[in-house]
Amino acid sequence: ASFSFEVPDATTTVREIIAARVRHEVETFNAGDTRTFRGLVMPEGAEQVPNGYELRQRRQIDREEQVSRALEAFERNGFLIIVGDRQVDDLNEVVELGELTTVSFVKLVPLVGG
C-alpha cells in the first residue's frame, strides 16, 4: 500500500520517519471502527491475521507505545527502510527528503522450514 504522511522537516532522521509513519497508522486506526490494525508492527494484545493485526476487543492504540515498538523492531531487523535508492540502517541517520522522495518499508518475514 502507498500513502503520504508529514515529517517534521525535509532534513530528518530515520527515527522521525518511522515515528511519523507509525503515528499516521495509529491515528487512522483510532479514528475508525475496525478491530484490524494495518500497520508496521503488531500492537500489544493483538494477533497476526492475513491483512494486519487483529485486536481481540476494539480499543484505542497508544501512539507513542506503538512508535517505541516500531523503533525496537527496526533495531532488531524486523523491517528495513529504503530512502530513494539506498537502504538506511541507523535510527540517527540524517536523510534529505524531497517532494518526490520515495521511502519504502520492507517487512522481513522468516521462511518456514528453511
PDB file of N, CA and C in Angstrom:
ATOM      1  N   ALA A   1       0.843  -1.181   0.000  1.00  0.00           N
ATOM      2  CA  ALA A   1       0.000   0.000   0.000  1.00  0.00           C
ATOM      3  C   ALA A   1       0.880   1.234   0.000  1.00  0.00           C
ATOM      4  N   SER A   2       0.391   2.268  -0.601  1.00  0.00           N
ATOM      5  CA  SER A   2       1.137   3.514  -0.683  1.00  0.00           C
ATOM      6  C   SER A   2       0.313   4.622  -0.056  1.00  0.00           C
ATOM      7  N   PHE A   3       0.966   5.498   0.679  1.00  0.00           N
ATOM      8  CA  PHE A   3       0.286   6.638   1.265  1.00  0.00           C
ATOM      9  C   PHE A   3       1.307   7.710   1.576  1.00  0.00           C
ATOM     10  N   SER A   4       0.830   8.907   1.832  1.00  0.00           N
ATOM     11  CA  SER A   4       1.694  10.035   2.171  1.00  0.00           C
ATOM     12  C   SER A   4       1.452  10.429   3.610  1.00  0.00           C
ATOM     13  N   PHE A   5       2.504  10.940   4.247  1.00  0.00           N
ATOM     14  CA  PHE A   5       2.376  11.459   5.600  1.00  0.00           C
ATOM     15  C   PHE A   5       3.416  12.535   5.805  1.00  0.00           C
ATOM     16  N   GLU A   6       3.178  13.385   6.769  1.00  0.00           N
ATOM     17  CA  GLU A   6       4.054  14.518   7.037  1.00  0.00           C
ATOM     18  C   GLU A   6       5.221  14.120   7.935  1.00  0.00           C
ATOM     19  N   VAL A   7       6.388  14.675   7.645  1.00  0.00           N
ATOM     20  CA  VAL A   7       7.546  14.570   8.535  1.00  0.00           C
ATOM     21  C   VAL A   7       7.880  15.990   8.979  1.00  0.00           C
ATOM     22  N   PRO A   8       8.537  16.119  10.132  1.00  0.00           N
ATOM     23  CA  PRO A   8       8.779  17.454  10.684  1.00  0.00           C
ATOM     24  C   PRO A   8       9.549  18.403   9.779  1.00  0.00           C
ATOM     25  N   ASP A   9      10.485  17.890   8.991  1.00  0.00           N
ATOM     26  CA  ASP A   9      11.344  18.751   8.193  1.00  0.00           C
ATOM     27  C   ASP A   9      11.874  17.939   7.019  1.00  0.00           C
ATOM     28  N   ALA A  10      12.303  18.599   5.952  1.00  0.00           N
ATOM     29  CA  ALA A  10      12.865  17.894   4.798  1.00  0.00           C
ATOM     30  C   ALA A  10      14.175  17.204   5.159  1.00  0.00           C
ATOM     31  N   THR A  11      14.896  17.746   6.111  1.00  0.00           N
ATOM     32  CA  THR A  11      16.085  17.094   6.642  1.00  0.00           C
ATOM     33  C   THR A  11      15.665  16.478   7.963  1.00  0.00           C
ATOM     34  N   THR A  12      15.652  15.161   7.997  1.00  0.00           N
ATOM     35  CA  THR A  12      15.141  14.467   9.172  1.00  0.00           C
ATOM     36  C   THR A  12      15.938  13.197   9.405  1.00  0.00           C
ATOM     37  N   THR A  13      15.583  12.471  10.429  1.00  0.00           N
ATOM     38  CA  THR A  13      16.276  11.225  10.744  1.00  0.00           C
ATOM     39  C   THR A  13      15.383  10.039  10.419  1.00  0.00           C
ATOM     40  N   VAL A  14      16.009   8.889  10.321  1.00  0.00           N
ATOM     41  CA  VAL A  14      15.266   7.650  10.116  1.00  0.00           C
ATOM     42  C   VAL A  14      14.281   7.455  11.273  1.00  0.00           C
ATOM     43  N   ARG A  15      14.698   7.778  12.481  1.00  0.00           N
ATOM     44  CA  ARG A  15      13.832   7.677  13.665  1.00  0.00           C
ATOM     45  C   ARG A  15      12.539   8.479  13.463  1.00  0.00           C
ATOM     46  N   GLU A  16      12.659   9.701  12.964  1.00  0.00           N
ATOM     47  CA  GLU A  16      11.485  10.551  12.763  1.00  0.00           C
ATOM     48  C   GLU A  16      10.604  10.063  11.615  1.00  0.00           C
ATOM     49  N   ILE A  17      11.201   9.468  10.611  1.00  0.00           N
ATOM     50  CA  ILE A  17      10.417   8.898   9.514  1.00  0.00           C
ATOM     51  C   ILE A  17       9.558   7.750  10.034  1.00  0.00           C
ATOM     52  N   ILE A  18      10.170   6.857  10.815  1.00  0.00           N
ATOM     53  CA  ILE A  18       9.420   5.741  11.393  1.00  0.00           C
ATOM     54  C   ILE A  18       8.312   6.267  12.296  1.00  0.00           C
ATOM     55  N   ALA A  19       8.651   7.219  13.163  1.00  0.00           N
ATOM     56  CA  ALA A  19       7.664   7.772  14.097  1.00  0.00           C
ATOM     57  C   ALA A  19       6.498   8.412  13.353  1.00  0.00           C
ATOM     58  N   ALA A  20       6.778   9.157  12.283  1.00  0.00           N
ATOM     59  CA  ALA A  20       5.711   9.809  11.511  1.00  0.00           C
ATOM     60  C   ALA A  20       4.792   8.781  10.883  1.00  0.00           C
ATOM     61  N   ARG A  21       5.372   7.723  10.326  1.00  0.00           N
ATOM     62  CA  ARG A  21       4.540   6.685   9.711  1.00  0.00           C
ATOM     63  C   ARG A  21       3.656   6.011  10.753  1.00  0.00           C
ATOM     64  N   VAL A  22       4.254   5.615  11.869  1.00  0.00           N
ATOM     65  CA  VAL A  22       3.500   4.882  12.886  1.00  0.00           C
ATOM     66  C   VAL A  22       2.411   5.758  13.499  1.00  0.00           C
ATOM     67  N   ARG A  23       2.718   7.018  13.747  1.00  0.00           N
ATOM     68  CA  ARG A  23       1.688   7.923  14.278  1.00  0.00           C
ATOM     69  C   ARG A  23       0.515   8.043  13.298  1.00  0.00           C
ATOM     70  N   HIS A  24       0.828   8.122  12.026  1.00  0.00           N
ATOM     71  CA  HIS A  24      -0.218   8.179  10.992  1.00  0.00           C
ATOM     72  C   HIS A  24      -1.082   6.909  11.036  1.00  0.00           C
ATOM     73  N   GLU A  25      -0.436   5.750  11.118  1.00  0.00           N
ATOM     74  CA  GLU A  25      -1.177   4.486  11.177  1.00  0.00           C
ATOM     75  C   GLU A  25      -2.095   4.433  12.393  1.00  0.00           C
ATOM     76  N   VAL A  26      -1.574   4.828  13.550  1.00  0.00           N
ATOM     77  CA  VAL A  26      -2.359   4.774  14.781  1.00  0.00           C
ATOM     78  C   VAL A  26      -3.524   5.757  14.718  1.00  0.00           C
ATOM     79  N   GLU A  27      -3.278   6.964  14.238  1.00  0.00           N
ATOM     80  CA  GLU A  27      -4.354   7.947  14.127  1.00  0.00           C
ATOM     81  C   GLU A  27      -5.453   7.454  13.184  1.00  0.00           C
ATOM     82  N   THR A  28      -5.076   6.829  12.089  1.00  0.00           N
ATOM     83  CA  THR A  28      -6.051   6.283  11.150  1.00  0.00           C
ATOM     84  C   THR A  28      -6.869   5.182  11.812  1.00  0.00           C
ATOM     85  N   PHE A  29      -6.194   4.280  12.517  1.00  0.00           N
ATOM     86  CA  PHE A  29      -6.895   3.189  13.204  1.00  0.00           C
ATOM     87  C   PHE A  29      -7.824   3.734  14.286  1.00  0.00           C
ATOM     88  N   ASN A  30      -7.302   4.614  15.130  1.00  0.00           N
ATOM     89  CA  ASN A  30      -8.099   5.140  16.245  1.00  0.00           C
ATOM     90  C   ASN A  30      -9.328   5.911  15.771  1.00  0.00           C
ATOM     91  N   ALA A  31      -9.279   6.493  14.584  1.00  0.00           N
ATOM     92  CA  ALA A  31     -10.410   7.245  14.050  1.00  0.00           C
ATOM     93  C   ALA A  31     -11.464   6.333  13.419  1.00  0.00           C
ATOM     94  N   GLY A  32     -11.114   5.066  13.181  1.00  0.00           N
ATOM     95  CA  GLY A  32     -12.035   4.144  12.522  1.00  0.00           C
ATOM     96  C   GLY A  32     -12.828   3.305  13.503  1.00  0.00           C
ATOM     97  N   ASP A  33     -13.404   2.232  12.976  1.00  0.00           N
ATOM     98  CA  ASP A  33     -14.212   1.361  13.827  1.00  0.00           C
ATOM     99  C   ASP A  33     -13.910  -0.124  13.631  1.00  0.00           C
ATOM    100  N   THR A  34     -12.785  -0.443  13.057  1.00  0.00           N
ATOM    101  CA  THR A  34     -12.404  -1.827  12.827  1.00  0.00           C
ATOM    102  C   THR A  34     -11.541  -2.353  13.982  1.00  0.00           C
ATOM    103  N   ARG A  35     -11.442  -3.652  14.080  1.00  0.00           N
ATOM    104  CA  ARG A  35     -10.531  -4.271  15.064  1.00  0.00           C
ATOM    105  C   ARG A  35      -9.210  -4.655  14.411  1.00  0.00           C
ATOM    106  N   THR A  36      -9.104  -4.497  13.101  1.00  0.00           N
ATOM    107  CA  THR A  36      -7.887  -4.873  12.392  1.00  0.00           C
ATOM    108  C   THR A  36      -6.994  -3.655  12.193  1.00  0.00           C
ATOM    109  N   PHE A  37      -5.807  -3.726  12.767  1.00  0.00           N
ATOM    110  CA  PHE A  37      -4.805  -2.661  12.640  1.00  0.00           C
ATOM    111  C   PHE A  37      -3.891  -3.016  11.492  1.00  0.00           C
ATOM    112  N   ARG A  38      -3.806  -2.142  10.505  1.00  0.00           N
ATOM    113  CA  ARG A  38      -2.930  -2.350   9.354  1.00  0.00           C
ATOM    114  C   ARG A  38      -1.728  -1.434   9.523  1.00  0.00           C
ATOM    115  N   GLY A  39      -0.703  -1.981  10.163  1.00  0.00           N
ATOM    116  CA  GLY A  39       0.441  -1.157  10.474  1.00  0.00           C
ATOM    117  C   GLY A  39       1.746  -1.906  10.362  1.00  0.00           C
ATOM    118  N   LEU A  40       2.792  -1.189  10.661  1.00  0.00           N
ATOM    119  CA  LEU A  40       4.149  -1.698  10.524  1.00  0.00           C
ATOM    120  C   LEU A  40       4.470  -2.790  11.538  1.00  0.00           C
ATOM    121  N   VAL A  41       4.025  -2.615  12.777  1.00  0.00           N
ATOM    122  CA  VAL A  41       4.307  -3.599  13.825  1.00  0.00           C
ATOM    123  C   VAL A  41       3.029  -3.916  14.608  1.00  0.00           C
ATOM    124  N   MET A  42       3.028  -5.073  15.233  1.00  0.00           N
ATOM    125  CA  MET A  42       1.856  -5.554  15.951  1.00  0.00           C
ATOM    126  C   MET A  42       1.672  -4.824  17.282  1.00  0.00           C
ATOM    127  N   PRO A  43       0.462  -4.327  17.530  1.00  0.00           N
ATOM    128  CA  PRO A  43       0.181  -3.703  18.825  1.00  0.00           C
ATOM    129  C   PRO A  43       0.123  -4.751  19.939  1.00  0.00           C
ATOM    130  N   GLU A  44       0.307  -4.317  21.157  1.00  0.00           N
ATOM    131  CA  GLU A  44       0.190  -5.186  22.330  1.00  0.00           C
ATOM    132  C   GLU A  44      -1.199  -5.824  22.343  1.00  0.00           C
ATOM    133  N   GLY A  45      -1.246  -7.129  22.593  1.00  0.00           N
ATOM    134  CA  GLY A  45      -2.516  -7.823  22.729  1.00  0.00           C
ATOM    135  C   GLY A  45      -3.218  -8.148  21.429  1.00  0.00           C
ATOM    136  N   ALA A  46      -2.548  -8.022  20.308  1.00  0.00           N
ATOM    137  CA  ALA A  46      -3.157  -8.329  19.009  1.00  0.00           C
ATOM    138  C   ALA A  46      -2.607  -9.649  18.495  1.00  0.00           C
ATOM    139  N   GLU A  47      -3.258 -10.190  17.485  1.00  0.00           N
ATOM    140  CA  GLU A  47      -2.729 -11.376  16.827  1.00  0.00           C
ATOM    141  C   GLU A  47      -2.669 -11.125  15.330  1.00  0.00           C
ATOM    142  N   GLN A  48      -1.679 -11.747  14.691  1.00  0.00           N
ATOM    143  CA  GLN A  48      -1.480 -11.519  13.266  1.00  0.00           C
ATOM    144  C   GLN A  48      -2.573 -12.218  12.464  1.00  0.00           C
ATOM    145  N   VAL A  49      -3.126 -11.503  11.509  1.00  0.00           N
ATOM    146  CA  VAL A  49      -4.102 -12.034  10.562  1.00  0.00           C
ATOM    147  C   VAL A  49      -3.589 -11.677   9.163  1.00  0.00           C
ATOM    148  N   PRO A  50      -4.175 -12.259   8.112  1.00  0.00           N
ATOM    149  CA  PRO A  50      -3.643 -12.034   6.763  1.00  0.00           C
ATOM    150  C   PRO A  50      -3.441 -10.571   6.363  1.00  0.00           C
ATOM    151  N   ASN A  51      -4.297  -9.663   6.776  1.00  0.00           N
ATOM    152  CA  ASN A  51      -4.178  -8.273   6.333  1.00  0.00           C
ATOM    153  C   ASN A  51      -3.812  -7.307   7.436  1.00  0.00           C
ATOM    154  N   GLY A  52      -3.122  -7.777   8.464  1.00  0.00           N
ATOM    155  CA  GLY A  52      -2.725  -6.883   9.546  1.00  0.00           C
ATOM    156  C   GLY A  52      -2.684  -7.592  10.879  1.00  0.00           C
ATOM    157  N   TYR A  53      -3.149  -6.895  11.910  1.00  0.00           N
ATOM    158  CA  TYR A  53      -3.145  -7.413  13.272  1.00  0.00           C
ATOM    159  C   TYR A  53      -4.521  -7.153  13.877  1.00  0.00           C
ATOM    160  N   GLU A  54      -5.140  -8.196  14.380  1.00  0.00           N
ATOM    161  CA  GLU A  54      -6.481  -8.042  14.920  1.00  0.00           C
ATOM    162  C   GLU A  54      -6.453  -7.969  16.435  1.00  0.00           C
ATOM    163  N   LEU A  55      -7.127  -6.950  16.968  1.00  0.00           N
ATOM    164  CA  LEU A  55      -7.268  -6.810  18.406  1.00  0.00           C
ATOM    165  C   LEU A  55      -8.477  -7.620  18.850  1.00  0.00           C
ATOM    166  N   ARG A  56      -8.363  -8.280  19.995  1.00  0.00           N
ATOM    167  CA  ARG A  56      -9.477  -9.091  20.489  1.00  0.00           C
ATOM    168  C   ARG A  56     -10.704  -8.231  20.727  1.00  0.00           C
ATOM    169  N   GLN A  57     -10.489  -7.054  21.300  1.00  0.00           N
ATOM    170  CA  GLN A  57     -11.565  -6.094  21.506  1.00  0.00           C
ATOM    171  C   GLN A  57     -11.113  -4.751  20.949  1.00  0.00           C
ATOM    172  N   ARG A  58     -12.047  -4.042  20.377  1.00  0.00           N
ATOM    173  CA  ARG A  58     -11.748  -2.717  19.829  1.00  0.00           C
ATOM    174  C   ARG A  58     -11.307  -1.787  20.952  1.00  0.00           C
ATOM    175  N   ARG A  59     -10.181  -1.120  20.761  1.00  0.00           N
ATOM    176  CA  ARG A  59      -9.681  -0.151  21.727  1.00  0.00           C
ATOM    177  C   ARG A  59      -8.793   0.848  21.001  1.00  0.00           C
ATOM    178  N   GLN A  60      -8.498   1.930  21.663  1.00  0.00           N
ATOM    179  CA  GLN A  60      -7.571   2.911  21.124  1.00  0.00           C
ATOM    180  C   GLN A  60      -6.146   2.406  21.334  1.00  0.00           C
ATOM    181  N   ILE A  61      -5.304   2.603  20.351  1.00  0.00           N
ATOM    182  CA  ILE A  61      -3.888   2.225  20.452  1.00  0.00           C
ATOM    183  C   ILE A  61      -3.103   3.458  20.855  1.00  0.00           C
ATOM    184  N   ASP A  62      -2.161   3.286  21.757  1.00  0.00           N
ATOM    185  CA  ASP A  62      -1.305   4.380  22.209  1.00  0.00           C
ATOM    186  C   ASP A  62      -0.246   4.664  21.151  1.00  0.00           C
ATOM    187  N   ARG A  63      -0.232   5.889  20.639  1.00  0.00           N
ATOM    188  CA  ARG A  63       0.709   6.266  19.568  1.00  0.00           C
ATOM    189  C   ARG A  63       2.157   6.071  19.970  1.00  0.00           C
ATOM    190  N   GLU A  64       2.539   6.595  21.115  1.00  0.00           N
ATOM    191  CA  GLU A  64       3.955   6.572  21.493  1.00  0.00           C
ATOM    192  C   GLU A  64       4.432   5.169  21.854  1.00  0.00           C
ATOM    193  N   GLU A  65       3.551   4.357  22.425  1.00  0.00           N
ATOM    194  CA  GLU A  65       3.910   2.958  22.685  1.00  0.00           C
ATOM    195  C   GLU A  65       4.160   2.227  21.370  1.00  0.00           C
ATOM    196  N   GLN A  66       3.313   2.505  20.380  1.00  0.00           N
ATOM    197  CA  GLN A  66       3.462   1.869  19.080  1.00  0.00           C
ATOM    198  C   GLN A  66       4.735   2.358  18.379  1.00  0.00           C
ATOM    199  N   VAL A  67       5.072   3.636  18.538  1.00  0.00           N
ATOM    200  CA  VAL A  67       6.327   4.157  17.985  1.00  0.00           C
ATOM    201  C   VAL A  67       7.510   3.425  18.609  1.00  0.00           C
ATOM    202  N   SER A  68       7.491   3.247  19.923  1.00  0.00           N
ATOM    203  CA  SER A  68       8.581   2.532  20.612  1.00  0.00           C
ATOM    204  C   SER A  68       8.714   1.114  20.087  1.00  0.00           C
ATOM    205  N   ARG A  69       7.591   0.437  19.894  1.00  0.00           N
ATOM    206  CA  ARG A  69       7.616  -0.938  19.368  1.00  0.00           C
ATOM    207  C   ARG A  69       8.233  -0.967  17.965  1.00  0.00           C
ATOM    208  N   ALA A  70       7.904   0.023  17.147  1.00  0.00           N
ATOM    209  CA  ALA A  70       8.439   0.067  15.784  1.00  0.00           C
ATOM    210  C   ALA A  70       9.939   0.350  15.786  1.00  0.00           C
ATOM    211  N   LEU A  71      10.387   1.261  16.633  1.00  0.00           N
ATOM    212  CA  LEU A  71      11.821   1.569  16.702  1.00  0.00           C
ATOM    213  C   LEU A  71      12.611   0.340  17.157  1.00  0.00           C
ATOM    214  N   GLU A  72      12.076  -0.374  18.141  1.00  0.00           N
ATOM    215  CA  GLU A  72      12.731  -1.607  18.600  1.00  0.00           C
ATOM    216  C   GLU A  72      12.763  -2.648  17.487  1.00  0.00           C
ATOM    217  N   ALA A  73      11.671  -2.781  16.746  1.00  0.00           N
ATOM    218  CA  ALA A  73      11.622  -3.744  15.646  1.00  0.00           C
ATOM    219  C   ALA A  73      12.655  -3.401  14.580  1.00  0.00           C
ATOM    220  N   PHE A  74      12.802  -2.121  14.262  1.00  0.00           N
ATOM    221  CA  PHE A  74      13.795  -1.703  13.275  1.00  0.00           C
ATOM    222  C   PHE A  74      15.205  -2.093  13.744  1.00  0.00           C
ATOM    223  N   GLU A  75      15.489  -1.857  15.015  1.00  0.00           N
ATOM    224  CA  GLU A  75      16.823  -2.185  15.540  1.00  0.00           C
ATOM    225  C   GLU A  75      17.077  -3.691  15.571  1.00  0.00           C
ATOM    226  N   ARG A  76      16.016  -4.500  15.634  1.00  0.00           N
ATOM    227  CA  ARG A  76      16.139  -5.960  15.608  1.00  0.00           C
ATOM    228  C   ARG A  76      16.039  -6.517  14.186  1.00  0.00           C
ATOM    229  N   ASN A  77      16.062  -5.630  13.197  1.00  0.00           N
ATOM    230  CA  ASN A  77      15.954  -6.018  11.783  1.00  0.00           C
ATOM    231  C   ASN A  77      14.605  -6.637  11.443  1.00  0.00           C
ATOM    232  N   GLY A  78      13.541  -6.168  12.097  1.00  0.00           N
ATOM    233  CA  GLY A  78      12.191  -6.635  11.790  1.00  0.00           C
ATOM    234  C   GLY A  78      11.678  -6.075  10.478  1.00  0.00           C
ATOM    235  N   PHE A  79      12.255  -4.988  10.042  1.00  0.00           N
ATOM    236  CA  PHE A  79      11.942  -4.410   8.744  1.00  0.00           C
ATOM    237  C   PHE A  79      13.113  -3.528   8.345  1.00  0.00           C
ATOM    238  N   LEU A  80      13.198  -3.221   7.074  1.00  0.00           N
ATOM    239  CA  LEU A  80      14.242  -2.324   6.610  1.00  0.00           C
ATOM    240  C   LEU A  80      13.598  -1.166   5.863  1.00  0.00           C
ATOM    241  N   ILE A  81      14.371  -0.107   5.706  1.00  0.00           N
ATOM    242  CA  ILE A  81      13.866   1.102   5.059  1.00  0.00           C
ATOM    243  C   ILE A  81      14.794   1.477   3.913  1.00  0.00           C
ATOM    244  N   ILE A  82      14.179   1.815   2.798  1.00  0.00           N
ATOM    245  CA  ILE A  82      14.927   2.286   1.639  1.00  0.00           C
ATOM    246  C   ILE A  82      14.443   3.706   1.346  1.00  0.00           C
ATOM    247  N   VAL A  83      15.369   4.649   1.367  1.00  0.00           N
ATOM    248  CA  VAL A  83      15.059   6.048   1.078  1.00  0.00           C
ATOM    249  C   VAL A  83      15.653   6.353  -0.289  1.00  0.00           C
ATOM    250  N   GLY A  84      14.776   6.688  -1.228  1.00  0.00           N
ATOM    251  CA  GLY A  84      15.251   6.885  -2.594  1.00  0.00           C
ATOM    252  C   GLY A  84      15.715   5.560  -3.149  1.00  0.00           C
ATOM    253  N   ASP A  85      17.013   5.442  -3.376  1.00  0.00           N
ATOM    254  CA  ASP A  85      17.556   4.201  -3.918  1.00  0.00           C
ATOM    255  C   ASP A  85      18.580   3.542  -2.994  1.00  0.00           C
ATOM    256  N   ARG A  86      18.570   3.931  -1.710  1.00  0.00           N
ATOM    257  CA  ARG A  86      19.547   3.310  -0.809  1.00  0.00           C
ATOM    258  C   ARG A  86      18.921   2.923   0.524  1.00  0.00           C
ATOM    259  N   GLN A  87      19.431   1.809   1.043  1.00  0.00           N
ATOM    260  CA  GLN A  87      18.963   1.320   2.331  1.00  0.00           C
ATOM    261  C   GLN A  87      19.599   2.119   3.459  1.00  0.00           C
ATOM    262  N   VAL A  88      18.804   2.455   4.463  1.00  0.00           N
ATOM    263  CA  VAL A  88      19.321   3.137   5.653  1.00  0.00           C
ATOM    264  C   VAL A  88      19.240   2.153   6.808  1.00  0.00           C
ATOM    265  N   ASP A  89      20.223   2.221   7.721  1.00  0.00           N
ATOM    266  CA  ASP A  89      20.236   1.216   8.775  1.00  0.00           C
ATOM    267  C   ASP A  89      20.511   1.757  10.174  1.00  0.00           C
ATOM    268  N   ASP A  90      20.484   3.063  10.333  1.00  0.00           N
ATOM    269  CA  ASP A  90      20.750   3.673  11.633  1.00  0.00           C
ATOM    270  C   ASP A  90      19.620   4.651  11.947  1.00  0.00           C
ATOM    271  N   LEU A  91      19.023   4.499  13.131  1.00  0.00           N
ATOM    272  CA  LEU A  91      17.914   5.375  13.518  1.00  0.00           C
ATOM    273  C   LEU A  91      18.297   6.853  13.499  1.00  0.00           C
ATOM    274  N   ASN A  92      19.563   7.161  13.769  1.00  0.00           N
ATOM    275  CA  ASN A  92      20.002   8.549  13.848  1.00  0.00           C
ATOM    276  C   ASN A  92      20.558   9.089  12.532  1.00  0.00           C
ATOM    277  N   GLU A  93      20.502   8.266  11.487  1.00  0.00           N
ATOM    278  CA  GLU A  93      20.997   8.715  10.184  1.00  0.00           C
ATOM    279  C   GLU A  93      20.118   9.851   9.664  1.00  0.00           C
ATOM    280  N   VAL A  94      20.761  10.901   9.205  1.00  0.00           N
ATOM    281  CA  VAL A  94      20.053  12.058   8.665  1.00  0.00           C
ATOM    282  C   VAL A  94      19.843  11.838   7.170  1.00  0.00           C
ATOM    283  N   VAL A  95      18.615  12.073   6.720  1.00  0.00           N
ATOM    284  CA  VAL A  95      18.285  11.917   5.310  1.00  0.00           C
ATOM    285  C   VAL A  95      17.587  13.180   4.811  1.00  0.00           C
ATOM    286  N   GLU A  96      17.752  13.442   3.534  1.00  0.00           N
ATOM    287  CA  GLU A  96      17.083  14.566   2.870  1.00  0.00           C
ATOM    288  C   GLU A  96      15.885  14.015   2.117  1.00  0.00           C
ATOM    289  N   LEU A  97      14.717  14.582   2.381  1.00  0.00           N
ATOM    290  CA  LEU A  97      13.507  14.152   1.691  1.00  0.00           C
ATOM    291  C   LEU A  97      13.023  15.262   0.783  1.00  0.00           C
ATOM    292  N   GLY A  98      12.934  14.951  -0.484  1.00  0.00           N
ATOM    293  CA  GLY A  98      12.368  15.898  -1.431  1.00  0.00           C
ATOM    294  C   GLY A  98      10.897  15.588  -1.638  1.00  0.00           C
ATOM    295  N   GLU A  99      10.228  16.420  -2.393  1.00  0.00           N
ATOM    296  CA  GLU A  99       8.799  16.238  -2.629  1.00  0.00           C
ATOM    297  C   GLU A  99       8.485  14.893  -3.279  1.00  0.00           C
ATOM    298  N   LEU A 100       9.397  14.394  -4.093  1.00  0.00           N
ATOM    299  CA  LEU A 100       9.165  13.133  -4.798  1.00  0.00           C
ATOM    300  C   LEU A 100       9.971  11.965  -4.241  1.00  0.00           C
ATOM    301  N   THR A 101      10.591  12.136  -3.086  1.00  0.00           N
ATOM    302  CA  THR A 101      11.376  11.053  -2.495  1.00  0.00           C
ATOM    303  C   THR A 101      10.448   9.936  -2.047  1.00  0.00           C
ATOM    304  N   THR A 102      10.808   8.726  -2.420  1.00  0.00           N
ATOM    305  CA  THR A 102      10.051   7.554  -2.004  1.00  0.00           C
ATOM    306  C   THR A 102      10.757   6.906  -0.827  1.00  0.00           C
ATOM    307  N   VAL A 103       9.990   6.595   0.208  1.00  0.00           N
ATOM    308  CA  VAL A 103      10.500   5.865   1.362  1.00  0.00           C
ATOM    309  C   VAL A 103       9.757   4.538   1.395  1.00  0.00           C
ATOM    310  N   SER A 104      10.509   3.437   1.289  1.00  0.00           N
ATOM    311  CA  SER A 104       9.902   2.101   1.276  1.00  0.00           C
ATOM    312  C   SER A 104      10.231   1.379   2.569  1.00  0.00           C
ATOM    313  N   PHE A 105       9.213   0.772   3.161  1.00  0.00           N
ATOM    314  CA  PHE A 105       9.370  -0.041   4.352  1.00  0.00           C
ATOM    315  C   PHE A 105       9.193  -1.488   3.917  1.00  0.00           C
ATOM    316  N   VAL A 106      10.181  -2.316   4.174  1.00  0.00           N
ATOM    317  CA  VAL A 106      10.137  -3.717   3.752  1.00  0.00           C
ATOM    318  C   VAL A 106      10.154  -4.587   5.007  1.00  0.00           C
ATOM    319  N   LYS A 107       9.028  -5.294   5.235  1.00  0.00           N
ATOM    320  CA  LYS A 107       8.939  -6.166   6.384  1.00  0.00           C
ATOM    321  C   LYS A 107       9.636  -7.489   6.041  1.00  0.00           C
ATOM    322  N   LEU A 108      10.436  -7.961   6.968  1.00  0.00           N
ATOM    323  CA  LEU A 108      11.158  -9.200   6.772  1.00  0.00           C
ATOM    324  C   LEU A 108      10.372 -10.329   7.442  1.00  0.00           C
ATOM    325  N   VAL A 109      10.117 -11.384   6.680  1.00  0.00           N
ATOM    326  CA  VAL A 109       9.327 -12.493   7.168  1.00  0.00           C
ATOM    327  C   VAL A 109      10.191 -13.744   7.142  1.00  0.00           C
ATOM    328  N   PRO A 110      10.295 -14.453   8.282  1.00  0.00           N
ATOM    329  CA  PRO A 110      11.107 -15.674   8.281  1.00  0.00           C
ATOM    330  C   PRO A 110      10.497 -16.736   7.369  1.00  0.00           C
ATOM    331  N   LEU A 111      11.355 -17.479   6.704  1.00  0.00           N
ATOM    332  CA  LEU A 111      10.906 -18.564   5.854  1.00  0.00           C
ATOM    333  C   LEU A 111      10.530 -19.773   6.698  1.00  0.00           C
ATOM    334  N   VAL A 112       9.501 -20.466   6.311  1.00  0.00           N
ATOM    335  CA  VAL A 112       9.078 -21.665   7.014  1.00  0.00           C
ATOM    336  C   VAL A 112       9.911 -22.833   6.511  1.00  0.00           C
ATOM    337  N   GLY A 113      10.522 -23.564   7.441  1.00  0.00           N
ATOM    338  CA  GLY A 113      11.266 -24.767   7.068  1.00  0.00           C
ATOM    339  C   GLY A 113      12.628 -24.524   6.455  1.00  0.00           C
ATOM    340  N   GLY A 114      13.179 -23.327   6.575  1.00  0.00           N
ATOM    341  CA  GLY A 114      14.493 -23.164   5.984  1.00  0.00           C
ATOM    342  C   GLY A 114      15.015 -21.872   6.196  1.00  0.00           C
TER     343      GLY A 114
END
